[in-house]
């Protein structure tokens, strides 16, 4: 069902990560599937809430690093600089307050 959603145009090779977009007028929900270990460089944007479904996410928000596993959730305030290390096999679901944060392919 999730993979029937529009795929997200990501700035990463498609053999390393896939993402599927559920678009709403006031935000977006994106399901991420990590196929190869990946490092997401520091960046910022509007608010974000997420939950790890499987695997491990090492998330750094404003210089503080946490290791999150299945069942853990996180909140990234609008404008907070954050980065992540993602392991292959990780799956997570993110809600973005910006309705134009990601684009469909």
Protein backbone atom coordinates (compact mmCIF):
# COMPACT_ATOMS: atom_id res chain seq x y z
CA UNK A 1 0.00 0.00 0.00
CA UNK A 2 2.78 2.47 0.92
CA UNK A 3 4.81 1.76 -2.22
CA UNK A 4 1.75 2.66 -4.30
CA UNK A 5 2.17 6.27 -3.13
CA UNK A 6 4.20 8.69 -5.28
CA UNK A 7 7.93 8.20 -4.85
CA UNK A 8 9.88 11.19 -3.53
CA UNK A 9 12.58 12.81 -5.68
CA UNK A 10 15.52 12.50 -3.27
CA UNK A 11 19.02 13.98 -3.70
CA UNK A 12 20.50 10.50 -3.05
CA UNK A 13 21.11 7.53 -5.34
CA UNK A 14 17.91 5.43 -5.67
CA UNK A 15 19.79 2.25 -4.76
CA UNK A 16 20.54 3.76 -1.33
CA UNK A 17 17.20 5.15 -0.20
CA UNK A 18 13.56 5.22 -1.24
CA UNK A 19 10.76 7.41 0.06
CA UNK A 20 7.03 7.62 -0.56
CA UNK A 21 4.91 10.75 -0.20
CA UNK A 22 1.46 11.34 1.23
CA UNK A 23 0.66 14.95 0.37
CA UNK A 24 -1.74 17.16 2.31
CA UNK A 25 -2.63 20.83 2.09
CA UNK A 26 -0.97 21.63 5.43
CA UNK A 27 1.94 19.17 5.51
CA UNK A 28 3.46 15.97 4.22
CA UNK A 29 3.95 12.45 5.53
CA UNK A 30 6.92 10.58 4.06
CA UNK A 31 7.79 6.90 4.54
CA UNK A 32 11.55 6.36 4.21
CA UNK A 33 13.25 3.04 3.48
CA UNK A 34 17.05 3.00 3.81
CA UNK A 35 18.71 0.46 1.52
CA UNK A 36 22.37 1.37 2.22
CA UNK A 37 24.02 3.12 5.17
CA UNK A 38 23.66 6.87 4.66
CA UNK A 39 24.77 10.14 6.22
CA UNK A 40 22.38 13.08 5.95
CA UNK A 41 24.38 16.32 6.19
CA UNK A 42 23.41 19.16 8.55
CA UNK A 43 20.42 21.16 7.32
CA UNK A 44 17.30 22.92 8.60
CA UNK A 45 13.71 23.51 7.51
CA UNK A 46 10.24 23.71 9.06
CA UNK A 47 9.15 21.50 11.94
CA UNK A 48 9.34 17.73 11.67
CA UNK A 49 8.06 14.82 13.76
CA UNK A 50 8.99 11.23 13.11
CA UNK A 51 9.01 7.69 14.40
CA UNK A 52 11.43 4.86 13.71
CA UNK A 53 9.70 1.71 12.48
CA UNK A 54 12.77 -0.53 12.09
CA UNK A 55 16.56 -0.20 12.29
CA UNK A 56 18.61 2.61 13.79
CA UNK A 57 18.75 6.38 13.33
CA UNK A 58 21.55 8.39 14.92
CA UNK A 59 20.02 11.85 14.98
CA UNK A 60 21.84 15.06 15.90
CA UNK A 61 19.67 18.11 16.63
CA UNK A 62 21.40 21.40 17.51
CA UNK A 63 24.56 19.49 18.49
CA UNK A 64 22.88 16.85 20.69
CA UNK A 65 23.05 13.27 19.36
CA UNK A 66 20.56 10.49 20.16
CA UNK A 67 20.41 6.90 18.92
CA UNK A 68 16.84 5.93 18.07
CA UNK A 69 15.51 2.44 17.38
CA UNK A 70 12.11 0.95 16.50
CA UNK A 71 9.36 2.58 18.52
CA UNK A 72 11.29 5.79 19.26
CA UNK A 73 9.89 9.10 18.07
CA UNK A 74 11.51 12.50 17.71
CA UNK A 75 10.61 16.13 17.18
CA UNK A 76 12.79 18.57 15.27
CA UNK A 77 11.75 22.19 15.88
CA UNK A 78 11.44 24.54 12.92
CA UNK A 79 14.83 25.99 12.04
CA UNK A 80 16.85 23.52 14.15
CA UNK A 81 20.03 22.35 12.44
CA UNK A 82 20.02 18.56 12.31
CA UNK A 83 21.81 15.65 10.65
CA UNK A 84 21.49 11.87 10.71
CA UNK A 85 23.32 8.59 10.24
CA UNK A 86 21.02 5.88 8.92
CA UNK A 87 21.74 2.16 8.76
CA UNK A 88 20.65 -0.13 5.94
CA UNK A 89 17.30 -1.72 6.72
CA UNK A 90 16.03 1.31 8.63
CA UNK A 91 12.47 2.46 8.02
CA UNK A 92 10.90 5.58 9.47
CA UNK A 93 7.89 7.79 9.00
CA UNK A 94 8.19 11.60 9.08
CA UNK A 95 5.58 14.33 9.22
CA UNK A 96 6.75 17.68 7.83
CA UNK A 97 4.82 20.86 8.64
CA UNK A 98 5.81 22.30 5.27
CA UNK A 99 3.53 21.11 2.50
CA UNK A 100 6.29 21.61 -0.09
CA UNK A 101 9.27 20.08 1.77
CA UNK A 102 9.58 17.14 -0.67
CA UNK A 103 8.55 16.76 -4.30
CA UNK A 104 7.21 13.65 -6.00
CA UNK A 105 9.23 12.17 -8.88
